[in-house]
Amino acid sequence: MTTLTATSARGAGMTSEERFVIFASSLGTAFEWYDFYLYAILAPFFSALFFPLGNDTANLLAGFATYAAGFLVRPFGALIFGRVGDLVGRKYTFLVTIVVMGASTFLVAFIPSFTTVGWAAPVVLVTLRLLQGLALGGEYGGAATYVSEHSRPNERGYATSFIQTTATLGLFLALAIILLCRAGLDADDFKIWGWRIPFLVSVILLAFSVYIRLKLNETPIFQKMKDEGKGSKAPLTESFLRYPNNKYVLLALLGATAGQGVVWYTGQFYALFFLGTLALNLDFQWAYILIGVSLLIGTPFFIVFGWLSDRVGRLNIILAGCLIAAVSYFPLFAALTHYVNPDLEKFQQTNQLTVTADPETCRFVGPWNEPTPCHDARSFLTKGGLSFVTVNGPAGSAPTLTIKSASSAKAVEGWDQAKWKSALSAAGYRDKADPAQGQLGDGRADPGHHGDLRDHGVWANCGVPGGDVPDQGPLHLDVAALSHRQRLVRRLPARHRARHRGGDRQHLLGPVVSGRGSGDELRHRAHLPARNQGPRHRRDVTAENGGAARAALPALACGPAPAGLFLWIV
């Protein structure tokens, strides 16, 4: 086995053994993060199955509280398995942590529901979640230690940076597998039993990780300490009860790790729920894809800054990262709202929502009590991504929603979801974000922009230029008026959308009018309003006949147009 002295003396470039150590350690840790994040992403689906029925919000909070329990025990996992690693070695500790994590994740798929076994369901769920937290606490720190002890002193930042990528890769893998499962199953089937599939997949990852790690050897530093009898007999006492070791532990725990945790989970994990059910109400396919792409873009920078830390120091990198996050997170999340759901942003800017209710009915609701009308009303607004102010009302009063804008105010008395939803819709609120509606939504700043096909060389009513395009009626389309980056698509009927896996648009098989640059095309372009004819066409006409428009020729044959045609700028 290579000793520490020999390790430090080697020339530049990683050996095959070092590359295998990094690969095996990172791969196994990524699989453990996959197991860890499955719970959080799928909690909205199975929380209602494992906790008492009747209060979805309380069930979701209980599910996330159980997820938080895994975080609370992670430091204890680091202590327990760190002690084991100091006594018996890093390799065997690796095997224990990954088996505990994989087994506890796999067993989640077999937990019966609350209606079947009662309170045993949440008890078993919490127990497995605690085991996950303990295992990950030992795994993540153990992997970094293992790789660090195989690395040369001046390359430890670069080598251990691969371990830092594992959390991101684990989240990406979890999103990919869940997306495939949700795309292949009906929404009801996934909610009832399909969510268990990603947990079952974890057993495959477990078997592969164990196989890889069985090929690892003990670290050279630990082996050297063991051979020389210099291993610590009381590592916990020396770390936490002796100065200055305890000072460094507290600085690392509260100064470095806490800040890193806030930055990571806010930027990569909370953003997923912000895009989806917590704020912007974007469809899960788009939310998963956006987060997945951002993870792929950001992952290489773990390695870049790990390499840089070997040259400028760890502290400078940590402080710079926390500073950038503190300065950029608020504008970044504001930008997400602006570009993902501009209608929600505009509604919030132009309307003030107030909920007036008896404060006694607005108490905290948990699994142990019944929801109140005030709770249901505020939960409805929160799930819709709406900000509101709660005002104390008279004793015994029903919740009242007030929607106030610059020009009007409307009050809806009593909690009735249908009435509140109707009032919000009338005020301009939309409960879903549409990725294609940013340029076509209501409230456009340009009064000359219709938001329909008339702005792209389309007119109807059998030869009446500039006419409105009905849902089912004659339609003219001047293909040459379109730019090369525009494509004609049609919105599928609602009954057919499920078959297209969330897609609600299909490209038409061919253009309505063909023959770009033909004589017919030029003659028919004259029927369009001047602003739709295009500058090149106007220049051609001016050159040919001194600016006089050609005489209107018979229009194209009218025919029924597909309902809901619109242009998608790609």
Protein backbone atom coordinates (compact mmCIF):
# COMPACT_ATOMS: atom_id res chain seq x y z
CA MET A 1 0.00 0.00 0.00
CA THR A 2 1.30 3.46 -0.86
CA THR A 3 2.38 5.48 2.15
CA LEU A 4 1.74 9.16 2.83
CA THR A 5 5.35 10.12 2.13
CA ALA A 6 5.32 8.40 -1.22
CA THR A 7 1.96 9.92 -1.99
CA SER A 8 3.30 13.42 -1.49
CA ALA A 9 6.34 12.77 -3.63
CA ARG A 10 4.63 11.61 -6.79
CA GLY A 11 4.71 13.73 -9.84
CA ALA A 12 1.87 15.69 -11.33
CA GLY A 13 -1.19 13.92 -12.64
CA MET A 14 -3.53 11.44 -11.01
CA THR A 15 -2.74 7.76 -10.94
CA SER A 16 -5.27 5.15 -11.99
CA GLU A 17 -5.73 4.21 -8.33
CA GLU A 18 -6.60 7.79 -7.39
CA ARG A 19 -9.08 8.06 -10.25
CA PHE A 20 -10.74 4.81 -9.21
CA VAL A 21 -10.95 5.99 -5.59
CA ILE A 22 -12.65 9.22 -6.65
CA PHE A 23 -15.00 7.40 -9.03
CA ALA A 24 -16.05 4.70 -6.55
CA SER A 25 -16.48 7.14 -3.66
CA SER A 26 -18.40 9.69 -5.70
CA LEU A 27 -20.64 7.13 -7.37
CA GLY A 28 -21.72 5.54 -4.12
CA THR A 29 -22.31 8.90 -2.45
CA ALA A 30 -24.36 10.12 -5.42
CA PHE A 31 -26.59 7.06 -5.09
CA GLU A 32 -27.03 7.81 -1.39
CA TRP A 33 -28.06 11.38 -2.17
CA TYR A 34 -30.51 9.97 -4.70
CA ASP A 35 -32.09 7.92 -1.91
CA PHE A 36 -32.12 10.93 0.39
CA TYR A 37 -33.82 13.28 -2.07
CA LEU A 38 -36.45 10.83 -3.24
CA TYR A 39 -38.28 11.36 0.01
CA ALA A 40 -38.47 15.15 -0.27
CA ILE A 41 -39.56 15.20 -3.92
CA LEU A 42 -42.21 12.52 -3.42
CA ALA A 43 -43.44 13.69 0.00
CA PRO A 44 -46.43 15.57 -1.51
CA PHE A 45 -47.64 12.27 -2.99
CA PHE A 46 -47.34 9.84 -0.11
CA SER A 47 -47.76 12.15 2.91
CA ALA A 48 -51.54 11.73 2.74
CA LEU A 49 -51.11 7.93 2.78
CA PHE A 50 -49.03 7.70 5.95
CA PHE A 51 -50.74 10.30 8.15
CA PRO A 52 -54.37 10.77 9.34
CA LEU A 53 -56.81 11.74 6.61
CA GLY A 54 -58.77 14.98 6.45
CA ASN A 55 -56.08 17.67 6.35
CA ASP A 56 -53.81 17.67 3.32
CA THR A 57 -51.77 20.67 4.45
CA ALA A 58 -51.09 19.20 7.89
CA ASN A 59 -50.15 15.90 6.27
CA LEU A 60 -47.69 17.63 3.96
CA LEU A 61 -46.17 19.53 6.88
CA ALA A 62 -45.86 16.27 8.80
CA GLY A 63 -44.18 14.71 5.78
CA PHE A 64 -41.65 17.52 5.53
CA ALA A 65 -41.11 17.43 9.29
CA THR A 66 -40.18 13.79 8.89
CA TYR A 67 -37.80 14.83 6.11
CA ALA A 68 -36.30 17.42 8.45
CA ALA A 69 -35.73 14.69 11.04
CA GLY A 70 -33.25 13.13 8.65
CA PHE A 71 -31.27 16.37 8.66
CA LEU A 72 -31.34 16.64 12.43
CA VAL A 73 -29.70 13.24 12.89
CA ARG A 74 -27.05 13.73 10.19
CA PRO A 75 -24.52 15.23 12.65
CA PHE A 76 -25.04 12.24 14.92
CA GLY A 77 -24.47 9.96 11.94
CA ALA A 78 -21.19 11.73 11.29
CA LEU A 79 -20.19 11.24 14.93
CA ILE A 80 -21.19 7.58 15.09
CA PHE A 81 -19.73 6.48 11.80
CA GLY A 82 -16.76 8.80 12.17
CA ARG A 83 -15.94 6.95 15.39
CA VAL A 84 -16.40 3.60 13.63
CA GLY A 85 -14.15 4.76 10.80
CA ASP A 86 -11.40 5.75 13.22
CA LEU A 87 -11.54 2.35 14.90
CA VAL A 88 -12.04 -0.18 12.10
CA GLY A 89 -11.19 1.83 8.96
CA ARG A 90 -12.84 3.88 6.26
CA LYS A 91 -13.59 1.06 3.84
CA TYR A 92 -15.78 -0.98 6.15
CA THR A 93 -17.58 2.14 7.36
CA PHE A 94 -18.33 2.91 3.72
CA LEU A 95 -19.99 -0.45 3.26
CA VAL A 96 -22.10 -0.10 6.40
CA THR A 97 -23.41 3.39 5.53
CA ILE A 98 -24.38 2.52 1.98
CA VAL A 99 -26.16 -0.70 3.01
CA VAL A 100 -28.11 1.12 5.74
CA MET A 101 -29.09 3.90 3.34
CA GLY A 102 -30.07 1.59 0.50
CA ALA A 103 -32.06 -0.79 2.69
CA SER A 104 -33.98 1.97 4.49
CA THR A 105 -34.85 3.62 1.16
CA PHE A 106 -35.93 0.36 -0.46
CA LEU A 107 -38.21 -0.50 2.46
CA VAL A 108 -40.14 2.78 2.12
CA ALA A 109 -41.75 1.27 -0.99
CA PHE A 110 -43.38 -1.41 1.16
CA ILE A 111 -44.83 0.68 3.99
CA PRO A 112 -48.61 0.12 4.23
CA SER A 113 -50.89 3.15 4.44
CA PHE A 114 -52.37 4.73 7.56
CA THR A 115 -55.80 3.27 6.76
CA THR A 116 -54.26 -0.22 6.85
CA VAL A 117 -51.98 -0.22 9.90
CA GLY A 118 -52.86 3.05 11.64
CA TRP A 119 -50.11 4.94 13.49
CA ALA A 120 -47.62 2.19 12.74
CA ALA A 121 -47.28 3.69 9.23
CA PRO A 122 -45.84 7.08 10.30
CA VAL A 123 -43.73 5.38 13.01
CA VAL A 124 -42.09 3.08 10.46
CA LEU A 125 -41.65 5.97 8.03
CA VAL A 126 -39.94 8.16 10.62
CA THR A 127 -37.71 5.26 11.70
CA LEU A 128 -36.53 4.63 8.14
CA ARG A 129 -36.03 8.34 7.64
CA LEU A 130 -33.83 8.55 10.73
CA LEU A 131 -31.75 5.65 9.47
CA GLN A 132 -31.30 7.50 6.16
CA GLY A 133 -30.08 10.60 7.96
CA LEU A 134 -27.64 8.65 10.11
CA ALA A 135 -26.25 6.79 7.09
CA LEU A 136 -25.87 9.94 4.98
CA GLY A 137 -24.19 11.77 7.85
CA GLY A 138 -21.55 9.07 7.98
CA GLU A 139 -21.34 8.61 4.23
CA TYR A 140 -20.81 12.18 3.07
CA GLY A 141 -18.09 13.04 5.58
CA GLY A 142 -16.58 9.59 5.23
CA ALA A 143 -16.35 9.89 1.45
CA ALA A 144 -14.63 13.27 1.69
CA THR A 145 -12.19 11.88 4.28
CA TYR A 146 -11.50 8.78 2.22
CA VAL A 147 -10.73 10.74 -0.95
CA SER A 148 -8.72 13.34 0.97
CA GLU A 149 -6.52 10.70 2.56
CA HIS A 150 -5.77 9.28 -0.89
CA SER A 151 -4.90 12.71 -2.33
CA ARG A 152 -1.73 14.73 -2.38
CA PRO A 153 -1.80 17.71 0.04
CA ASN A 154 -1.78 20.31 -2.73
CA GLU A 155 -4.66 18.64 -4.64
CA ARG A 156 -7.15 17.85 -1.89
CA GLY A 157 -9.52 20.61 -2.88
CA TYR A 158 -9.65 19.37 -6.46
CA ALA A 159 -9.94 15.69 -5.48
CA THR A 160 -12.68 16.17 -2.89
CA SER A 161 -14.61 18.52 -5.20
CA PHE A 162 -15.89 15.41 -6.99
CA ILE A 163 -17.57 14.40 -3.73
CA GLN A 164 -19.26 17.81 -3.64
CA THR A 165 -20.85 17.10 -7.03
CA THR A 166 -22.58 14.00 -5.71
CA ALA A 167 -25.46 15.85 -4.03
CA THR A 168 -26.25 17.64 -7.29
CA LEU A 169 -25.94 14.46 -9.35
CA GLY A 170 -28.10 12.57 -6.86
CA LEU A 171 -30.84 15.19 -7.14
CA PHE A 172 -30.59 15.13 -10.93
CA LEU A 173 -30.89 11.34 -10.98
CA ALA A 174 -33.91 11.46 -8.67
CA LEU A 175 -35.63 14.07 -10.85
CA ALA A 176 -34.93 12.06 -14.02
CA ILE A 177 -36.33 8.78 -12.67
CA ILE A 178 -39.39 10.46 -11.12
CA LEU A 179 -40.05 12.34 -14.36
CA LEU A 180 -39.94 9.10 -16.35
CA CYS A 181 -42.35 7.44 -13.92
CA ARG A 182 -44.78 10.36 -13.90
CA ALA A 183 -44.66 10.63 -17.70
CA GLY A 184 -45.41 6.93 -18.10
CA LEU A 185 -48.30 6.74 -15.64
CA ASP A 186 -51.60 8.49 -15.20
CA ALA A 187 -51.62 11.10 -12.45
CA ASP A 188 -53.95 9.03 -10.25
CA ASP A 189 -51.93 5.84 -10.70
CA PHE A 190 -48.70 7.61 -9.79
CA LYS A 191 -50.29 9.16 -6.71
CA ILE A 192 -51.68 5.83 -5.51
CA TRP A 193 -48.82 3.42 -6.20
CA GLY A 194 -46.47 4.75 -8.90
CA TRP A 195 -44.46 6.84 -6.42
CA ARG A 196 -43.12 3.58 -4.96
CA ILE A 197 -41.22 2.72 -8.18
CA PRO A 198 -38.27 5.13 -7.63
CA PHE A 199 -37.77 3.65 -4.16
CA LEU A 200 -37.67 0.16 -5.64
CA VAL A 201 -35.05 1.27 -8.17
CA SER A 202 -32.74 2.12 -5.27
CA VAL A 203 -32.00 -1.57 -4.67
CA ILE A 204 -30.34 -1.77 -8.10
CA LEU A 205 -28.17 1.23 -7.28
CA LEU A 206 -27.35 -0.32 -3.90
CA ALA A 207 -26.12 -3.56 -5.42
CA PHE A 208 -23.92 -1.72 -7.92
CA SER A 209 -22.47 0.56 -5.23
CA VAL A 210 -21.61 -2.32 -2.90
CA TYR A 211 -19.92 -4.18 -5.76
CA ILE A 212 -17.77 -1.14 -6.58
CA ARG A 213 -16.81 -0.42 -2.99
CA LEU A 214 -15.76 -3.96 -2.27
CA LYS A 215 -12.87 -3.29 -4.66
CA LEU A 216 -11.57 -0.36 -2.58
CA ASN A 217 -8.58 -0.55 -0.26
CA GLU A 218 -7.95 1.19 3.02
CA THR A 219 -6.58 4.75 2.83
CA PRO A 220 -2.78 5.14 3.04
CA ILE A 221 -2.98 7.64 5.92
CA PHE A 222 -5.18 5.41 8.07
CA GLN A 223 -3.06 2.37 7.27
CA LYS A 224 0.09 4.27 8.22
CA MET A 225 -1.41 5.45 11.52
CA LYS A 226 -2.58 1.93 12.32
CA ASP A 227 0.82 0.40 11.54
CA GLU A 228 2.56 2.98 13.73
CA GLY A 229 0.00 2.74 16.54
CA LYS A 230 -0.82 6.46 16.34
CA GLY A 231 -4.58 6.13 15.98
CA SER A 232 -6.72 8.06 18.44
CA LYS A 233 -8.17 6.08 21.34
CA ALA A 234 -10.84 8.68 22.10
CA PRO A 235 -11.54 10.65 18.90
CA LEU A 236 -14.80 12.20 20.13
CA THR A 237 -13.25 13.47 23.35
CA GLU A 238 -10.26 14.88 21.53
CA SER A 239 -12.44 16.57 18.92
CA PHE A 240 -15.13 18.14 21.09
CA LEU A 241 -13.68 18.53 24.59
CA ARG A 242 -10.11 19.65 23.95
CA TYR A 243 -9.06 23.11 22.83
CA PRO A 244 -8.33 24.16 20.08
CA ASN A 245 -9.90 21.15 18.33
CA ASN A 246 -13.39 22.04 19.61
CA LYS A 247 -12.98 25.58 18.27
CA TYR A 248 -12.29 24.29 14.77
CA VAL A 249 -15.25 21.89 14.97
CA LEU A 250 -17.67 24.69 15.91
CA LEU A 251 -16.29 27.00 13.24
CA ALA A 252 -16.68 24.32 10.59
CA LEU A 253 -20.17 23.33 11.78
CA LEU A 254 -21.70 26.78 12.35
CA GLY A 255 -19.53 28.93 10.12
CA ALA A 256 -18.87 26.94 6.97
CA THR A 257 -21.33 24.07 6.79
CA ALA A 258 -24.41 26.06 7.84
CA GLY A 259 -23.84 28.69 5.16
CA GLN A 260 -23.11 26.07 2.52
CA GLY A 261 -26.33 24.24 3.41
CA VAL A 262 -28.46 27.37 3.03
CA VAL A 263 -26.86 28.24 -0.31
CA TRP A 264 -27.18 24.75 -1.75
CA TYR A 265 -30.70 23.87 -0.65
CA THR A 266 -32.11 27.28 -1.53
CA GLY A 267 -30.52 27.46 -4.95
CA GLN A 268 -31.02 23.91 -6.16
CA PHE A 269 -33.71 22.28 -4.03
CA TYR A 270 -36.13 24.95 -2.81
CA ALA A 271 -36.18 26.35 -6.35
CA LEU A 272 -37.89 23.14 -7.50
CA PHE A 273 -40.83 23.68 -5.15
CA PHE A 274 -40.84 27.43 -5.83
CA LEU A 275 -41.37 26.72 -9.52
CA GLY A 276 -44.06 24.16 -8.77
CA THR A 277 -46.58 23.95 -5.98
CA LEU A 278 -45.22 26.59 -3.58
CA ALA A 279 -45.40 29.69 -5.76
CA LEU A 280 -45.36 29.73 -9.56
CA ASN A 281 -47.55 26.69 -10.32
CA LEU A 282 -45.49 25.56 -13.28
CA ASP A 283 -46.25 22.07 -14.60
CA PHE A 284 -43.97 19.46 -13.10
CA GLN A 285 -42.43 18.52 -16.47
CA TRP A 286 -41.15 22.04 -17.01
CA ALA A 287 -40.06 22.43 -13.39
CA TYR A 288 -38.07 19.18 -13.48
CA ILE A 289 -36.48 20.07 -16.82
CA LEU A 290 -35.50 23.58 -15.73
CA ILE A 291 -33.94 22.36 -12.50
CA GLY A 292 -32.27 19.44 -14.29
CA VAL A 293 -30.68 21.73 -16.86
CA SER A 294 -29.49 24.13 -14.16
CA LEU A 295 -27.94 21.21 -12.25
CA LEU A 296 -26.04 20.08 -15.33
CA ILE A 297 -24.78 23.62 -15.95
CA GLY A 298 -23.74 24.18 -12.35
CA THR A 299 -22.13 20.82 -11.54
CA PRO A 300 -18.79 21.39 -13.35
CA PHE A 301 -18.21 24.52 -11.25
CA PHE A 302 -17.87 22.40 -8.12
CA ILE A 303 -14.72 20.98 -9.67
CA VAL A 304 -13.54 24.37 -10.96
CA PHE A 305 -13.78 26.01 -7.54
CA GLY A 306 -12.36 22.93 -5.82
CA TRP A 307 -9.31 23.25 -8.07
CA LEU A 308 -9.18 27.00 -7.38
CA SER A 309 -9.31 26.41 -3.61
CA ASP A 310 -5.96 24.64 -3.83
CA ARG A 311 -4.50 27.89 -5.11
CA VAL A 312 -6.33 30.71 -3.30
CA GLY A 313 -7.45 28.93 -0.15
CA ARG A 314 -10.72 27.35 1.04
CA LEU A 315 -11.88 30.31 3.12
CA ASN A 316 -11.87 32.74 0.20
CA ILE A 317 -13.98 30.40 -1.90
CA ILE A 318 -16.48 29.81 0.93
CA LEU A 319 -16.87 33.52 1.69
CA ALA A 320 -17.21 34.45 -1.99
CA GLY A 321 -19.89 31.80 -2.53
CA CYS A 322 -21.95 32.91 0.48
CA LEU A 323 -21.61 36.57 -0.55
CA ILE A 324 -22.72 35.90 -4.14
CA ALA A 325 -25.75 33.96 -2.87
CA ALA A 326 -26.72 36.68 -0.39
CA VAL A 327 -26.57 39.36 -3.09
CA SER A 328 -28.17 37.40 -5.95
CA TYR A 329 -30.87 35.15 -4.49
CA PHE A 330 -33.59 37.77 -4.10
CA PRO A 331 -33.25 39.18 -7.64
CA LEU A 332 -32.87 35.66 -9.07
CA PHE A 333 -36.12 34.43 -7.54
CA ALA A 334 -37.82 37.65 -8.63
CA ALA A 335 -36.57 36.98 -12.16
CA LEU A 336 -37.96 33.44 -11.99
CA THR A 337 -41.37 34.89 -11.19
CA HIS A 338 -41.10 37.44 -13.98
CA TYR A 339 -40.15 34.98 -16.73
CA VAL A 340 -41.95 31.82 -15.60
CA ASN A 341 -45.28 33.31 -14.53
CA PRO A 342 -45.54 36.98 -15.59
CA ASP A 343 -49.31 36.93 -15.10
CA LEU A 344 -48.85 36.10 -11.42
CA GLU A 345 -46.28 38.87 -11.08
CA LYS A 346 -48.59 41.42 -12.69
CA PHE A 347 -51.55 40.30 -10.61
CA GLN A 348 -49.54 40.72 -7.41
CA GLN A 349 -48.35 44.16 -8.47
CA THR A 350 -51.82 45.47 -9.34
CA ASN A 351 -53.94 43.78 -6.66
CA GLN A 352 -53.81 43.64 -2.88
CA LEU A 353 -55.42 40.63 -1.19
CA THR A 354 -56.76 40.77 2.35
CA VAL A 355 -58.30 37.94 4.35
CA THR A 356 -60.48 39.10 7.25
CA ALA A 357 -61.36 36.38 9.74
CA ASP A 358 -61.92 35.60 13.41
CA PRO A 359 -58.40 35.13 14.83
CA GLU A 360 -59.58 32.24 16.96
CA THR A 361 -60.29 30.25 13.79
CA CYS A 362 -56.85 30.97 12.29
CA ARG A 363 -54.90 28.84 14.73
CA PHE A 364 -52.19 26.42 13.68
CA VAL A 365 -53.57 23.17 12.30
CA GLY A 366 -51.77 19.86 12.75
CA PRO A 367 -52.64 16.20 12.32
CA TRP A 368 -54.19 16.24 15.80
CA ASN A 369 -56.99 18.81 15.10
CA GLU A 370 -59.52 19.68 12.43
CA PRO A 371 -58.95 22.37 9.80
CA THR A 372 -60.98 25.55 10.04
CA PRO A 373 -62.49 27.71 7.27
CA CYS A 374 -59.77 30.32 7.91
CA HIS A 375 -57.08 27.67 7.53
CA ASP A 376 -58.62 26.32 4.32
CA ALA A 377 -58.96 29.83 2.88
CA ARG A 378 -55.38 30.85 3.60
CA SER A 379 -54.09 27.48 2.43
CA PHE A 380 -55.93 27.98 -0.88
CA LEU A 381 -54.27 31.34 -1.46
CA THR A 382 -50.84 30.08 -0.41
CA LYS A 383 -50.99 27.09 -2.76
CA GLY A 384 -51.85 29.51 -5.55
CA GLY A 385 -48.63 31.44 -4.96
CA LEU A 386 -50.55 34.51 -3.77
CA SER A 387 -49.38 36.95 -1.11
CA PHE A 388 -52.04 38.30 1.23
CA VAL A 389 -52.55 40.12 4.52
CA THR A 390 -54.60 38.62 7.35
CA VAL A 391 -56.76 41.07 9.31
CA ASN A 392 -58.56 40.22 12.55
CA GLY A 393 -62.32 40.22 12.16
CA PRO A 394 -65.20 40.11 14.64
CA ALA A 395 -65.63 37.01 16.78
CA GLY A 396 -67.45 34.28 14.91
CA SER A 397 -67.08 36.02 11.54
CA ALA A 398 -66.53 33.96 8.38
CA PRO A 399 -63.39 34.53 6.29
CA THR A 400 -63.80 37.37 3.79
CA LEU A 401 -61.55 37.90 0.78
CA THR A 402 -61.01 41.46 -0.41
CA ILE A 403 -59.40 42.07 -3.81
CA LYS A 404 -58.36 45.69 -4.13
CA SER A 405 -56.85 47.29 -7.20
CA ALA A 406 -56.22 50.90 -8.19
CA SER A 407 -59.66 51.20 -9.78
CA SER A 408 -61.91 48.85 -7.81
CA ALA A 409 -62.37 46.68 -4.76
CA LYS A 410 -64.38 43.51 -4.42
CA ALA A 411 -65.20 41.48 -1.31
CA VAL A 412 -66.27 37.83 -1.21
CA GLU A 413 -67.86 36.91 2.11
CA GLY A 414 -67.57 33.39 3.51
CA TRP A 415 -65.14 30.67 2.53
CA ASP A 416 -66.22 29.10 -0.74
CA GLN A 417 -63.40 27.89 -2.96
CA ALA A 418 -65.40 28.16 -6.17
CA LYS A 419 -66.46 31.76 -5.42
CA TRP A 420 -62.97 32.82 -4.37
CA LYS A 421 -61.45 31.24 -7.45
CA SER A 422 -64.01 32.94 -9.68
CA ALA A 423 -63.35 36.32 -8.09
CA LEU A 424 -59.58 35.94 -8.49
CA SER A 425 -59.99 34.87 -12.13
CA ALA A 426 -62.19 37.88 -12.83
CA ALA A 427 -59.44 40.09 -11.43
CA GLY A 428 -56.91 38.56 -13.83
CA TYR A 429 -55.39 35.73 -11.81
CA ARG A 430 -54.40 32.48 -13.54
CA ASP A 431 -53.82 29.38 -11.46
CA LYS A 432 -51.30 27.82 -13.85
CA ALA A 433 -48.12 29.10 -15.42
CA ASP A 434 -48.06 28.66 -19.20
CA PRO A 435 -44.52 28.62 -20.64
CA ALA A 436 -45.84 29.88 -23.99
CA GLN A 437 -48.09 32.67 -22.78
CA GLY A 438 -45.58 35.35 -21.86
CA GLN A 439 -45.98 37.21 -25.16
CA LEU A 440 -49.63 36.31 -25.68
CA GLY A 441 -51.19 36.94 -22.26
CA ASP A 442 -53.67 39.66 -21.36
CA GLY A 443 -52.53 43.09 -20.30
CA ARG A 444 -50.03 43.67 -23.09
CA ALA A 445 -48.21 46.98 -22.97
CA ASP A 446 -48.45 47.49 -26.76
CA PRO A 447 -52.06 48.46 -27.64
CA GLY A 448 -51.39 47.71 -31.28
CA HIS A 449 -50.47 44.14 -30.52
CA HIS A 450 -53.50 41.84 -30.76
CA GLY A 451 -51.86 38.76 -29.29
CA ASP A 452 -53.24 36.54 -32.04
CA LEU A 453 -52.45 35.55 -35.64
CA ARG A 454 -53.24 38.96 -37.05
CA ASP A 455 -49.83 40.12 -35.85
CA HIS A 456 -48.15 37.49 -38.04
CA GLY A 457 -49.77 37.85 -41.43
CA VAL A 458 -53.02 35.99 -40.73
CA TRP A 459 -56.46 37.33 -41.58
CA ALA A 460 -59.91 35.86 -41.93
CA ASN A 461 -63.51 36.57 -43.00
CA CYS A 462 -62.88 35.57 -46.61
CA GLY A 463 -60.82 38.41 -47.96
CA VAL A 464 -61.48 41.12 -45.35
CA PRO A 465 -57.97 42.25 -44.44
CA GLY A 466 -57.24 42.51 -40.76
CA GLY A 467 -60.38 40.66 -39.69
CA ASP A 468 -60.60 38.67 -36.49
CA VAL A 469 -59.77 34.99 -36.51
CA PRO A 470 -62.74 33.00 -35.19
CA ASP A 471 -62.50 29.63 -33.42
CA GLN A 472 -63.89 27.86 -36.46
CA GLY A 473 -63.97 29.83 -39.65
CA PRO A 474 -62.17 30.84 -42.86
CA LEU A 475 -58.52 31.63 -42.36
CA HIS A 476 -55.81 33.14 -44.56
CA LEU A 477 -52.15 32.72 -43.70
CA ASP A 478 -49.33 34.48 -45.53
CA VAL A 479 -46.40 32.16 -44.86
CA ALA A 480 -43.87 34.56 -46.38
CA ALA A 481 -44.75 37.14 -43.70
CA LEU A 482 -43.35 34.85 -41.06
CA SER A 483 -39.73 34.89 -40.02
CA HIS A 484 -37.64 31.76 -40.44
CA ARG A 485 -37.70 31.31 -36.63
CA GLN A 486 -41.48 31.04 -36.46
CA ARG A 487 -43.44 27.83 -36.76
CA LEU A 488 -47.14 27.17 -36.94
CA VAL A 489 -48.47 24.88 -34.28
CA ARG A 490 -51.89 23.95 -33.01
CA ARG A 491 -53.16 23.35 -29.53
CA LEU A 492 -54.47 19.85 -29.03
CA PRO A 493 -57.95 19.29 -27.60
CA ALA A 494 -57.94 18.59 -23.87
CA ARG A 495 -59.05 14.98 -24.35
CA HIS A 496 -55.95 14.20 -26.41
CA ARG A 497 -53.28 15.94 -24.30
CA ALA A 498 -52.66 13.07 -21.88
CA ARG A 499 -51.57 10.83 -24.71
CA HIS A 500 -48.81 13.27 -25.59
CA ARG A 501 -47.20 13.12 -22.16
CA GLY A 502 -47.99 16.64 -21.06
CA GLY A 503 -47.50 18.26 -24.46
CA ASP A 504 -50.47 20.22 -25.71
CA ARG A 505 -49.12 21.32 -29.07
CA GLN A 506 -48.22 19.65 -32.33
CA HIS A 507 -46.53 21.09 -35.36
CA LEU A 508 -48.73 21.12 -38.44
CA LEU A 509 -47.65 18.71 -41.13
CA GLY A 510 -47.28 21.43 -43.75
CA PRO A 511 -47.80 25.12 -44.42
CA VAL A 512 -51.26 26.43 -45.23
CA VAL A 513 -49.83 28.33 -48.18
CA SER A 514 -46.72 27.13 -50.00
CA GLY A 515 -44.54 28.68 -52.67
CA ARG A 516 -42.45 31.34 -50.97
CA GLY A 517 -41.67 34.12 -53.44
CA SER A 518 -44.21 32.97 -56.04
CA GLY A 519 -46.40 35.39 -57.91
CA ASP A 520 -49.52 34.29 -56.05
CA GLU A 521 -47.78 34.84 -52.75
CA LEU A 522 -46.84 38.40 -53.69
CA ARG A 523 -50.33 39.22 -54.89
CA HIS A 524 -51.99 37.84 -51.77
CA ARG A 525 -49.60 39.72 -49.51
CA ALA A 526 -51.22 42.95 -50.75
CA HIS A 527 -54.39 41.95 -48.91
CA LEU A 528 -52.59 42.19 -45.57
CA PRO A 529 -52.50 45.38 -43.49
CA ALA A 530 -49.39 47.43 -44.26
CA ARG A 531 -47.70 46.56 -40.99
CA ASN A 532 -48.03 42.84 -41.80
CA GLN A 533 -46.68 42.96 -45.34
CA GLY A 534 -43.04 43.05 -44.31
CA PRO A 535 -40.34 45.57 -45.26
CA ARG A 536 -38.85 43.47 -48.06
CA HIS A 537 -42.23 43.11 -49.75
CA ARG A 538 -42.90 46.84 -49.49
CA ARG A 539 -39.49 47.60 -51.03
CA ASP A 540 -40.18 45.17 -53.90
CA VAL A 541 -43.57 46.72 -54.59
CA THR A 542 -42.15 50.24 -54.49
CA ALA A 543 -39.40 49.30 -56.96
CA GLU A 544 -41.78 47.67 -59.40
CA ASN A 545 -44.67 50.10 -59.62
CA GLY A 546 -43.54 53.28 -57.96
CA GLY A 547 -45.12 52.54 -54.64
CA ALA A 548 -48.59 51.75 -55.90
CA ALA A 549 -49.97 48.60 -54.38
CA ARG A 550 -51.00 45.91 -56.79
CA ALA A 551 -54.66 45.51 -57.49
CA ALA A 552 -56.37 43.12 -55.13
CA LEU A 553 -56.79 39.78 -56.78
CA PRO A 554 -59.24 37.04 -55.79
CA ALA A 555 -58.41 35.82 -52.32
CA LEU A 556 -57.32 32.35 -51.50
CA ALA A 557 -60.03 29.78 -51.19
CA CYS A 558 -61.51 29.91 -47.69
CA GLY A 559 -61.58 26.78 -45.55
CA PRO A 560 -62.14 25.79 -41.95
CA ALA A 561 -59.14 26.56 -39.73
CA PRO A 562 -58.14 24.43 -36.78
CA ALA A 563 -59.48 25.86 -33.53
CA GLY A 564 -57.02 27.70 -31.33
CA LEU A 565 -54.28 28.25 -33.92
CA PHE A 566 -51.47 30.42 -32.65
CA LEU A 567 -47.83 31.14 -33.37
CA TRP A 568 -45.02 29.88 -31.18
CA ILE A 569 -41.76 31.81 -31.55
CA VAL A 570 -38.95 29.25 -31.32
